[in-house]
Amino acid sequence: MEEKSKISELRKEVLTAAREAYRLKLMAGTSGNLSAWDAASGCLVITPSGYAYDLMEEEDLVVMDLDGQVREGFRKPSSEWRMHAAIYRSLPRIGAVVHTHST
């Protein structure tokens, strides 16, 4: 799979999972964050900081590397991006992180 199409697929998956987690009330308001990792490109796709899950679209997600450099997106990444990056560095087999602040 090409890098762009892999990132596009990850955007869809993260958005779907974020909406479902919100629908299931696993997150209150804009708390919590989700990401997915693409080792081939060295990038993760993460939900933005402080943005409502019920309004979120694919273009609202942020694509960044593990050092915090934003590669795609116009929103600020989740403030928890460092935690997500640390998990991907430490556990290379992990493909996604869901961090909820359940009600």
PDB file of N, CA and C in Angstrom:
ATOM      1  N   MET A   1       0.846  -1.180   0.000  1.00  0.00           N
ATOM      2  CA  MET A   1       0.000   0.000   0.000  1.00  0.00           C
ATOM      3  C   MET A   1       0.889   1.240   0.000  1.00  0.00           C
ATOM      4  N   GLU A   2       0.599   2.192  -0.849  1.00  0.00           N
ATOM      5  CA  GLU A   2       1.364   3.424  -0.904  1.00  0.00           C
ATOM      6  C   GLU A   2       1.205   4.191   0.391  1.00  0.00           C
ATOM      7  N   GLU A   3       2.226   5.004   0.718  1.00  0.00           N
ATOM      8  CA  GLU A   3       2.223   5.771   1.960  1.00  0.00           C
ATOM      9  C   GLU A   3       0.982   6.645   2.090  1.00  0.00           C
ATOM     10  N   LYS A   4       0.638   7.394   1.033  1.00  0.00           N
ATOM     11  CA  LYS A   4      -0.525   8.290   1.076  1.00  0.00           C
ATOM     12  C   LYS A   4      -1.812   7.516   1.303  1.00  0.00           C
ATOM     13  N   SER A   5      -1.970   6.384   0.621  1.00  0.00           N
ATOM     14  CA  SER A   5      -3.207   5.624   0.773  1.00  0.00           C
ATOM     15  C   SER A   5      -3.273   4.970   2.152  1.00  0.00           C
ATOM     16  N   LYS A   6      -2.124   4.578   2.715  1.00  0.00           N
ATOM     17  CA  LYS A   6      -2.093   4.016   4.066  1.00  0.00           C
ATOM     18  C   LYS A   6      -2.513   5.083   5.081  1.00  0.00           C
ATOM     19  N   ILE A   7      -1.998   6.278   4.948  1.00  0.00           N
ATOM     20  CA  ILE A   7      -2.363   7.371   5.856  1.00  0.00           C
ATOM     21  C   ILE A   7      -3.843   7.693   5.700  1.00  0.00           C
ATOM     22  N   SER A   8      -4.332   7.697   4.476  1.00  0.00           N
ATOM     23  CA  SER A   8      -5.749   7.953   4.231  1.00  0.00           C
ATOM     24  C   SER A   8      -6.614   6.895   4.910  1.00  0.00           C
ATOM     25  N   GLU A   9      -6.204   5.646   4.818  1.00  0.00           N
ATOM     26  CA  GLU A   9      -6.935   4.560   5.468  1.00  0.00           C
ATOM     27  C   GLU A   9      -6.895   4.716   6.989  1.00  0.00           C
ATOM     28  N   LEU A  10      -5.739   5.083   7.525  1.00  0.00           N
ATOM     29  CA  LEU A  10      -5.635   5.291   8.972  1.00  0.00           C
ATOM     30  C   LEU A  10      -6.518   6.442   9.434  1.00  0.00           C
ATOM     31  N   ARG A  11      -6.603   7.502   8.632  1.00  0.00           N
ATOM     32  CA  ARG A  11      -7.503   8.624   8.970  1.00  0.00           C
ATOM     33  C   ARG A  11      -8.937   8.120   9.119  1.00  0.00           C
ATOM     34  N   LYS A  12      -9.383   7.318   8.179  1.00  0.00           N
ATOM     35  CA  LYS A  12     -10.748   6.769   8.225  1.00  0.00           C
ATOM     36  C   LYS A  12     -10.944   5.915   9.469  1.00  0.00           C
ATOM     37  N   GLU A  13      -9.968   5.064   9.755  1.00  0.00           N
ATOM     38  CA  GLU A  13     -10.079   4.166  10.907  1.00  0.00           C
ATOM     39  C   GLU A  13     -10.082   4.928  12.226  1.00  0.00           C
ATOM     40  N   VAL A  14      -9.218   5.924  12.353  1.00  0.00           N
ATOM     41  CA  VAL A  14      -9.173   6.712  13.589  1.00  0.00           C
ATOM     42  C   VAL A  14     -10.482   7.480  13.764  1.00  0.00           C
ATOM     43  N   LEU A  15     -10.973   8.085  12.708  1.00  0.00           N
ATOM     44  CA  LEU A  15     -12.230   8.829  12.807  1.00  0.00           C
ATOM     45  C   LEU A  15     -13.384   7.907  13.181  1.00  0.00           C
ATOM     46  N   THR A  16     -13.475   6.760  12.553  1.00  0.00           N
ATOM     47  CA  THR A  16     -14.546   5.799  12.865  1.00  0.00           C
ATOM     48  C   THR A  16     -14.472   5.376  14.328  1.00  0.00           C
ATOM     49  N   ALA A  17     -13.276   5.041  14.790  1.00  0.00           N
ATOM     50  CA  ALA A  17     -13.104   4.611  16.183  1.00  0.00           C
ATOM     51  C   ALA A  17     -13.411   5.743  17.155  1.00  0.00           C
ATOM     52  N   ALA A  18     -12.992   6.960  16.833  1.00  0.00           N
ATOM     53  CA  ALA A  18     -13.254   8.111  17.707  1.00  0.00           C
ATOM     54  C   ALA A  18     -14.749   8.380  17.817  1.00  0.00           C
ATOM     55  N   ARG A  19     -15.441   8.351  16.704  1.00  0.00           N
ATOM     56  CA  ARG A  19     -16.887   8.576  16.730  1.00  0.00           C
ATOM     57  C   ARG A  19     -17.610   7.495  17.523  1.00  0.00           C
ATOM     58  N   GLU A  20     -17.181   6.241  17.353  1.00  0.00           N
ATOM     59  CA  GLU A  20     -17.818   5.139  18.069  1.00  0.00           C
ATOM     60  C   GLU A  20     -17.539   5.223  19.570  1.00  0.00           C
ATOM     61  N   ALA A  21     -16.318   5.545  19.941  1.00  0.00           N
ATOM     62  CA  ALA A  21     -15.985   5.698  21.359  1.00  0.00           C
ATOM     63  C   ALA A  21     -16.800   6.823  21.987  1.00  0.00           C
ATOM     64  N   TYR A  22     -16.960   7.898  21.250  1.00  0.00           N
ATOM     65  CA  TYR A  22     -17.765   9.024  21.739  1.00  0.00           C
ATOM     66  C   TYR A  22     -19.237   8.606  21.866  1.00  0.00           C
ATOM     67  N   ARG A  23     -19.752   7.905  20.866  1.00  0.00           N
ATOM     68  CA  ARG A  23     -21.137   7.446  20.888  1.00  0.00           C
ATOM     69  C   ARG A  23     -21.391   6.524  22.076  1.00  0.00           C
ATOM     70  N   LEU A  24     -20.408   5.707  22.394  1.00  0.00           N
ATOM     71  CA  LEU A  24     -20.531   4.777  23.519  1.00  0.00           C
ATOM     72  C   LEU A  24     -20.255   5.444  24.868  1.00  0.00           C
ATOM     73  N   LYS A  25     -20.020   6.762  24.834  1.00  0.00           N
ATOM     74  CA  LYS A  25     -19.762   7.557  26.035  1.00  0.00           C
ATOM     75  C   LYS A  25     -18.482   7.134  26.768  1.00  0.00           C
ATOM     76  N   LEU A  26     -17.502   6.696  25.996  1.00  0.00           N
ATOM     77  CA  LEU A  26     -16.200   6.383  26.576  1.00  0.00           C
ATOM     78  C   LEU A  26     -15.382   7.643  26.817  1.00  0.00           C
ATOM     79  N   MET A  27     -15.836   8.744  26.232  1.00  0.00           N
ATOM     80  CA  MET A  27     -15.163  10.024  26.399  1.00  0.00           C
ATOM     81  C   MET A  27     -16.228  11.089  26.644  1.00  0.00           C
ATOM     82  N   ALA A  28     -15.931  11.995  27.538  1.00  0.00           N
ATOM     83  CA  ALA A  28     -16.833  13.105  27.814  1.00  0.00           C
ATOM     84  C   ALA A  28     -16.303  14.357  27.120  1.00  0.00           C
ATOM     85  N   GLY A  29     -17.173  15.036  26.417  1.00  0.00           N
ATOM     86  CA  GLY A  29     -16.762  16.268  25.739  1.00  0.00           C
ATOM     87  C   GLY A  29     -15.657  16.020  24.738  1.00  0.00           C
ATOM     88  N   THR A  30     -14.557  16.740  24.900  1.00  0.00           N
ATOM     89  CA  THR A  30     -13.425  16.592  23.978  1.00  0.00           C
ATOM     90  C   THR A  30     -12.260  15.840  24.623  1.00  0.00           C
ATOM     91  N   SER A  31     -12.518  15.206  25.760  1.00  0.00           N
ATOM     92  CA  SER A  31     -11.437  14.482  26.441  1.00  0.00           C
ATOM     93  C   SER A  31     -11.126  13.172  25.723  1.00  0.00           C
ATOM     94  N   GLY A  32      -9.957  12.627  26.025  1.00  0.00           N
ATOM     95  CA  GLY A  32      -9.529  11.393  25.377  1.00  0.00           C
ATOM     96  C   GLY A  32      -8.894  11.684  24.028  1.00  0.00           C
ATOM     97  N   ASN A  33      -8.235  10.670  23.479  1.00  0.00           N
ATOM     98  CA  ASN A  33      -7.575  10.836  22.187  1.00  0.00           C
ATOM     99  C   ASN A  33      -7.266   9.473  21.602  1.00  0.00           C
ATOM    100  N   LEU A  34      -7.215   9.425  20.288  1.00  0.00           N
ATOM    101  CA  LEU A  34      -6.956   8.183  19.569  1.00  0.00           C
ATOM    102  C   LEU A  34      -5.897   8.435  18.513  1.00  0.00           C
ATOM    103  N   SER A  35      -5.115   7.395  18.239  1.00  0.00           N
ATOM    104  CA  SER A  35      -4.130   7.510  17.163  1.00  0.00           C
ATOM    105  C   SER A  35      -3.915   6.142  16.534  1.00  0.00           C
ATOM    106  N   ALA A  36      -3.317   6.161  15.357  1.00  0.00           N
ATOM    107  CA  ALA A  36      -2.902   4.945  14.660  1.00  0.00           C
ATOM    108  C   ALA A  36      -1.530   5.220  14.070  1.00  0.00           C
ATOM    109  N   TRP A  37      -0.720   4.165  13.984  1.00  0.00           N
ATOM    110  CA  TRP A  37       0.694   4.266  13.611  1.00  0.00           C
ATOM    111  C   TRP A  37       0.968   3.574  12.291  1.00  0.00           C
ATOM    112  N   ASP A  38       1.723   4.240  11.445  1.00  0.00           N
ATOM    113  CA  ASP A  38       2.199   3.652  10.198  1.00  0.00           C
ATOM    114  C   ASP A  38       3.723   3.633  10.240  1.00  0.00           C
ATOM    115  N   ALA A  39       4.280   2.478  10.574  1.00  0.00           N
ATOM    116  CA  ALA A  39       5.738   2.357  10.708  1.00  0.00           C
ATOM    117  C   ALA A  39       6.462   2.662   9.397  1.00  0.00           C
ATOM    118  N   ALA A  40       5.868   2.309   8.274  1.00  0.00           N
ATOM    119  CA  ALA A  40       6.526   2.515   6.981  1.00  0.00           C
ATOM    120  C   ALA A  40       6.801   3.995   6.707  1.00  0.00           C
ATOM    121  N   SER A  41       5.857   4.853   7.061  1.00  0.00           N
ATOM    122  CA  SER A  41       6.034   6.292   6.823  1.00  0.00           C
ATOM    123  C   SER A  41       6.641   6.988   8.032  1.00  0.00           C
ATOM    124  N   GLY A  42       6.621   6.313   9.192  1.00  0.00           N
ATOM    125  CA  GLY A  42       7.121   6.931  10.416  1.00  0.00           C
ATOM    126  C   GLY A  42       6.170   7.970  10.972  1.00  0.00           C
ATOM    127  N   CYS A  43       4.897   7.854  10.585  1.00  0.00           N
ATOM    128  CA  CYS A  43       3.908   8.849  11.008  1.00  0.00           C
ATOM    129  C   CYS A  43       2.759   8.207  11.770  1.00  0.00           C
ATOM    130  N   LEU A  44       2.167   9.005  12.630  1.00  0.00           N
ATOM    131  CA  LEU A  44       0.945   8.602  13.301  1.00  0.00           C
ATOM    132  C   LEU A  44      -0.152   9.579  12.922  1.00  0.00           C
ATOM    133  N   VAL A  45      -1.379   9.091  12.974  1.00  0.00           N
ATOM    134  CA  VAL A  45      -2.572   9.918  12.755  1.00  0.00           C
ATOM    135  C   VAL A  45      -3.224  10.029  14.116  1.00  0.00           C
ATOM    136  N   ILE A  46      -3.477  11.261  14.580  1.00  0.00           N
ATOM    137  CA  ILE A  46      -4.009  11.475  15.923  1.00  0.00           C
ATOM    138  C   ILE A  46      -5.138  12.490  15.911  1.00  0.00           C
ATOM    139  N   THR A  47      -6.051  12.327  16.855  1.00  0.00           N
ATOM    140  CA  THR A  47      -7.156  13.276  16.974  1.00  0.00           C
ATOM    141  C   THR A  47      -6.613  14.628  17.439  1.00  0.00           C
ATOM    142  N   PRO A  48      -7.291  15.703  17.056  1.00  0.00           N
ATOM    143  CA  PRO A  48      -6.829  17.034  17.437  1.00  0.00           C
ATOM    144  C   PRO A  48      -7.185  17.378  18.881  1.00  0.00           C
ATOM    145  N   SER A  49      -6.515  18.367  19.394  1.00  0.00           N
ATOM    146  CA  SER A  49      -6.750  18.843  20.748  1.00  0.00           C
ATOM    147  C   SER A  49      -8.017  19.690  20.815  1.00  0.00           C
ATOM    148  N   GLY A  50      -8.869  19.392  21.792  1.00  0.00           N
ATOM    149  CA  GLY A  50     -10.018  20.239  22.076  1.00  0.00           C
ATOM    150  C   GLY A  50     -11.057  20.360  20.991  1.00  0.00           C
ATOM    151  N   TYR A  51     -11.199  19.358  20.158  1.00  0.00           N
ATOM    152  CA  TYR A  51     -12.168  19.424  19.062  1.00  0.00           C
ATOM    153  C   TYR A  51     -13.240  18.363  19.276  1.00  0.00           C
ATOM    154  N   ALA A  52     -14.491  18.757  19.125  1.00  0.00           N
ATOM    155  CA  ALA A  52     -15.632  17.870  19.403  1.00  0.00           C
ATOM    156  C   ALA A  52     -15.647  16.661  18.470  1.00  0.00           C
ATOM    157  N   TYR A  53     -15.768  15.476  19.060  1.00  0.00           N
ATOM    158  CA  TYR A  53     -15.775  14.233  18.284  1.00  0.00           C
ATOM    159  C   TYR A  53     -16.973  14.136  17.348  1.00  0.00           C
ATOM    160  N   ASP A  54     -18.097  14.701  17.738  1.00  0.00           N
ATOM    161  CA  ASP A  54     -19.280  14.617  16.878  1.00  0.00           C
ATOM    162  C   ASP A  54     -19.206  15.564  15.681  1.00  0.00           C
ATOM    163  N   LEU A  55     -18.264  16.481  15.686  1.00  0.00           N
ATOM    164  CA  LEU A  55     -18.059  17.395  14.550  1.00  0.00           C
ATOM    165  C   LEU A  55     -16.847  17.009  13.704  1.00  0.00           C
ATOM    166  N   MET A  56     -16.023  16.133  14.223  1.00  0.00           N
ATOM    167  CA  MET A  56     -14.744  15.789  13.608  1.00  0.00           C
ATOM    168  C   MET A  56     -14.914  15.116  12.242  1.00  0.00           C
ATOM    169  N   GLU A  57     -14.053  15.517  11.316  1.00  0.00           N
ATOM    170  CA  GLU A  57     -13.971  14.937   9.980  1.00  0.00           C
ATOM    171  C   GLU A  57     -12.529  14.488   9.751  1.00  0.00           C
ATOM    172  N   GLU A  58     -12.308  13.722   8.709  1.00  0.00           N
ATOM    173  CA  GLU A  58     -10.961  13.214   8.431  1.00  0.00           C
ATOM    174  C   GLU A  58      -9.926  14.335   8.344  1.00  0.00           C
ATOM    175  N   GLU A  59     -10.274  15.442   7.731  1.00  0.00           N
ATOM    176  CA  GLU A  59      -9.310  16.531   7.568  1.00  0.00           C
ATOM    177  C   GLU A  59      -8.952  17.210   8.885  1.00  0.00           C
ATOM    178  N   ASP A  60      -9.709  16.943   9.950  1.00  0.00           N
ATOM    179  CA  ASP A  60      -9.396  17.499  11.269  1.00  0.00           C
ATOM    180  C   ASP A  60      -8.302  16.713  11.983  1.00  0.00           C
ATOM    181  N   LEU A  61      -8.040  15.491  11.539  1.00  0.00           N
ATOM    182  CA  LEU A  61      -7.011  14.667  12.159  1.00  0.00           C
ATOM    183  C   LEU A  61      -5.627  15.173  11.774  1.00  0.00           C
ATOM    184  N   VAL A  62      -4.670  14.922  12.634  1.00  0.00           N
ATOM    185  CA  VAL A  62      -3.310  15.427  12.438  1.00  0.00           C
ATOM    186  C   VAL A  62      -2.377  14.249  12.136  1.00  0.00           C
ATOM    187  N   VAL A  63      -1.540  14.421  11.122  1.00  0.00           N
ATOM    188  CA  VAL A  63      -0.516  13.431  10.777  1.00  0.00           C
ATOM    189  C   VAL A  63       0.820  14.015  11.220  1.00  0.00           C
ATOM    190  N   MET A  64       1.534  13.245  12.042  1.00  0.00           N
ATOM    191  CA  MET A  64       2.795  13.758  12.571  1.00  0.00           C
ATOM    192  C   MET A  64       3.800  12.629  12.761  1.00  0.00           C
ATOM    193  N   ASP A  65       5.070  13.000  12.903  1.00  0.00           N
ATOM    194  CA  ASP A  65       6.081  11.987  13.185  1.00  0.00           C
ATOM    195  C   ASP A  65       6.235  11.846  14.698  1.00  0.00           C
ATOM    196  N   LEU A  66       7.073  10.926  15.124  1.00  0.00           N
ATOM    197  CA  LEU A  66       7.213  10.651  16.551  1.00  0.00           C
ATOM    198  C   LEU A  66       7.948  11.749  17.312  1.00  0.00           C
ATOM    199  N   ASP A  67       8.543  12.689  16.590  1.00  0.00           N
ATOM    200  CA  ASP A  67       9.221  13.817  17.229  1.00  0.00           C
ATOM    201  C   ASP A  67       8.321  15.040  17.344  1.00  0.00           C
ATOM    202  N   GLY A  68       7.084  14.924  16.876  1.00  0.00           N
ATOM    203  CA  GLY A  68       6.128  16.027  17.010  1.00  0.00           C
ATOM    204  C   GLY A  68       6.019  16.935  15.812  1.00  0.00           C
ATOM    205  N   GLN A  69       6.728  16.610  14.736  1.00  0.00           N
ATOM    206  CA  GLN A  69       6.648  17.428  13.521  1.00  0.00           C
ATOM    207  C   GLN A  69       5.355  17.115  12.785  1.00  0.00           C
ATOM    208  N   VAL A  70       4.488  18.115  12.627  1.00  0.00           N
ATOM    209  CA  VAL A  70       3.230  17.915  11.918  1.00  0.00           C
ATOM    210  C   VAL A  70       3.520  17.814  10.428  1.00  0.00           C
ATOM    211  N   ARG A  71       3.046  16.741   9.808  1.00  0.00           N
ATOM    212  CA  ARG A  71       3.242  16.505   8.374  1.00  0.00           C
ATOM    213  C   ARG A  71       2.015  16.899   7.567  1.00  0.00           C
ATOM    214  N   GLU A  72       0.838  16.709   8.171  1.00  0.00           N
ATOM    215  CA  GLU A  72      -0.424  17.084   7.514  1.00  0.00           C
ATOM    216  C   GLU A  72      -1.398  17.509   8.594  1.00  0.00           C
ATOM    217  N   GLY A  73      -2.229  18.474   8.243  1.00  0.00           N
ATOM    218  CA  GLY A  73      -3.283  18.900   9.152  1.00  0.00           C
ATOM    219  C   GLY A  73      -3.116  20.348   9.566  1.00  0.00           C
ATOM    220  N   PHE A  74      -4.229  20.953   9.913  1.00  0.00           N
ATOM    221  CA  PHE A  74      -4.224  22.359  10.291  1.00  0.00           C
ATOM    222  C   PHE A  74      -4.628  22.562  11.750  1.00  0.00           C
ATOM    223  N   ARG A  75      -5.004  21.504  12.426  1.00  0.00           N
ATOM    224  CA  ARG A  75      -5.371  21.599  13.834  1.00  0.00           C
ATOM    225  C   ARG A  75      -4.180  21.224  14.704  1.00  0.00           C
ATOM    226  N   LYS A  76      -4.270  21.601  15.967  1.00  0.00           N
ATOM    227  CA  LYS A  76      -3.247  21.252  16.943  1.00  0.00           C
ATOM    228  C   LYS A  76      -3.453  19.793  17.355  1.00  0.00           C
ATOM    229  N   PRO A  77      -2.397  18.982  17.366  1.00  0.00           N
ATOM    230  CA  PRO A  77      -2.572  17.576  17.761  1.00  0.00           C
ATOM    231  C   PRO A  77      -2.915  17.481  19.249  1.00  0.00           C
ATOM    232  N   SER A  78      -3.478  16.357  19.627  1.00  0.00           N
ATOM    233  CA  SER A  78      -3.771  16.101  21.026  1.00  0.00           C
ATOM    234  C   SER A  78      -2.559  16.424  21.887  1.00  0.00           C
ATOM    235  N   SER A  79      -2.801  16.986  23.054  1.00  0.00           N
ATOM    236  CA  SER A  79      -1.699  17.290  23.970  1.00  0.00           C
ATOM    237  C   SER A  79      -1.023  16.015  24.470  1.00  0.00           C
ATOM    238  N   GLU A  80      -1.659  14.876  24.261  1.00  0.00           N
ATOM    239  CA  GLU A  80      -1.115  13.586  24.688  1.00  0.00           C
ATOM    240  C   GLU A  80      -0.272  12.905  23.603  1.00  0.00           C
ATOM    241  N   TRP A  81       0.085  13.616  22.534  1.00  0.00           N
ATOM    242  CA  TRP A  81       0.800  12.996  21.423  1.00  0.00           C
ATOM    243  C   TRP A  81       2.110  12.353  21.878  1.00  0.00           C
ATOM    244  N   ARG A  82       2.766  12.943  22.895  1.00  0.00           N
ATOM    245  CA  ARG A  82       4.035  12.384  23.374  1.00  0.00           C
ATOM    246  C   ARG A  82       3.834  10.983  23.960  1.00  0.00           C
ATOM    247  N   MET A  83       2.733  10.776  24.674  1.00  0.00           N
ATOM    248  CA  MET A  83       2.430   9.464  25.228  1.00  0.00           C
ATOM    249  C   MET A  83       2.237   8.452  24.096  1.00  0.00           C
ATOM    250  N   HIS A  84       1.472   8.838  23.066  1.00  0.00           N
ATOM    251  CA  HIS A  84       1.242   7.958  21.919  1.00  0.00           C
ATOM    252  C   HIS A  84       2.580   7.615  21.252  1.00  0.00           C
ATOM    253  N   ALA A  85       3.422   8.638  21.031  1.00  0.00           N
ATOM    254  CA  ALA A  85       4.724   8.421  20.384  1.00  0.00           C
ATOM    255  C   ALA A  85       5.598   7.486  21.222  1.00  0.00           C
ATOM    256  N   ALA A  86       5.583   7.659  22.532  1.00  0.00           N
ATOM    257  CA  ALA A  86       6.390   6.799  23.414  1.00  0.00           C
ATOM    258  C   ALA A  86       5.933   5.345  23.325  1.00  0.00           C
ATOM    259  N   ILE A  87       4.639   5.133  23.226  1.00  0.00           N
ATOM    260  CA  ILE A  87       4.112   3.771  23.098  1.00  0.00           C
ATOM    261  C   ILE A  87       4.578   3.152  21.781  1.00  0.00           C
ATOM    262  N   TYR A  88       4.471   3.890  20.686  1.00  0.00           N
ATOM    263  CA  TYR A  88       4.888   3.354  19.387  1.00  0.00           C
ATOM    264  C   TYR A  88       6.395   3.074  19.352  1.00  0.00           C
ATOM    265  N   ARG A  89       7.183   3.916  20.009  1.00  0.00           N
ATOM    266  CA  ARG A  89       8.639   3.682  20.063  1.00  0.00           C
ATOM    267  C   ARG A  89       8.962   2.426  20.879  1.00  0.00           C
ATOM    268  N   SER A  90       8.304   2.293  22.012  1.00  0.00           N
ATOM    269  CA  SER A  90       8.608   1.200  22.950  1.00  0.00           C
ATOM    270  C   SER A  90       8.015  -0.138  22.540  1.00  0.00           C
ATOM    271  N   LEU A  91       6.878  -0.102  21.860  1.00  0.00           N
ATOM    272  CA  LEU A  91       6.163  -1.324  21.487  1.00  0.00           C
ATOM    273  C   LEU A  91       5.862  -1.292  19.993  1.00  0.00           C
ATOM    274  N   PRO A  92       6.841  -1.576  19.161  1.00  0.00           N
ATOM    275  CA  PRO A  92       6.681  -1.424  17.714  1.00  0.00           C
ATOM    276  C   PRO A  92       5.555  -2.254  17.098  1.00  0.00           C
ATOM    277  N   ARG A  93       5.105  -3.275  17.768  1.00  0.00           N
ATOM    278  CA  ARG A  93       4.023  -4.102  17.222  1.00  0.00           C
ATOM    279  C   ARG A  93       2.643  -3.442  17.396  1.00  0.00           C
ATOM    280  N   ILE A  94       2.570  -2.414  18.230  1.00  0.00           N
ATOM    281  CA  ILE A  94       1.295  -1.728  18.483  1.00  0.00           C
ATOM    282  C   ILE A  94       0.951  -0.857  17.275  1.00  0.00           C
ATOM    283  N   GLY A  95      -0.292  -0.944  16.820  1.00  0.00           N
ATOM    284  CA  GLY A  95      -0.720  -0.173  15.653  1.00  0.00           C
ATOM    285  C   GLY A  95      -1.656   0.972  15.960  1.00  0.00           C
ATOM    286  N   ALA A  96      -2.187   1.013  17.202  1.00  0.00           N
ATOM    287  CA  ALA A  96      -3.122   2.081  17.551  1.00  0.00           C
ATOM    288  C   ALA A  96      -3.169   2.247  19.061  1.00  0.00           C
ATOM    289  N   VAL A  97      -3.542   3.444  19.485  1.00  0.00           N
ATOM    290  CA  VAL A  97      -3.702   3.756  20.900  1.00  0.00           C
ATOM    291  C   VAL A  97      -5.037   4.465  21.088  1.00  0.00           C
ATOM    292  N   VAL A  98      -5.791   3.994  22.071  1.00  0.00           N
ATOM    293  CA  VAL A  98      -7.041   4.654  22.450  1.00  0.00           C
ATOM    294  C   VAL A  98      -6.899   5.022  23.914  1.00  0.00           C
ATOM    295  N   HIS A  99      -6.953   6.311  24.204  1.00  0.00           N
ATOM    296  CA  HIS A  99      -6.819   6.829  25.568  1.00  0.00           C
ATOM    297  C   HIS A  99      -8.116   7.560  25.889  1.00  0.00           C
ATOM    298  N   THR A 100      -8.936   6.942  26.721  1.00  0.00           N
ATOM    299  CA  THR A 100     -10.235   7.551  27.028  1.00  0.00           C
ATOM    300  C   THR A 100     -10.243   8.188  28.411  1.00  0.00           C
ATOM    301  N   HIS A 101     -11.133   9.122  28.571  1.00  0.00           N
ATOM    302  CA  HIS A 101     -11.468   9.717  29.853  1.00  0.00           C
ATOM    303  C   HIS A 101     -12.955   9.400  30.014  1.00  0.00           C
ATOM    304  N   SER A 102     -13.229   8.192  30.440  1.00  0.00           N
ATOM    305  CA  SER A 102     -14.629   7.745  30.458  1.00  0.00           C
ATOM    306  C   SER A 102     -15.444   8.498  31.508  1.00  0.00           C
ATOM    307  N   THR A 103     -16.726   8.547  31.239  1.00  0.00           N
ATOM    308  CA  THR A 103     -17.634   9.257  32.137  1.00  0.00           C
ATOM    309  C   THR A 103     -17.897   8.444  33.373  1.00  0.00           C
TER     310      THR A 103
END
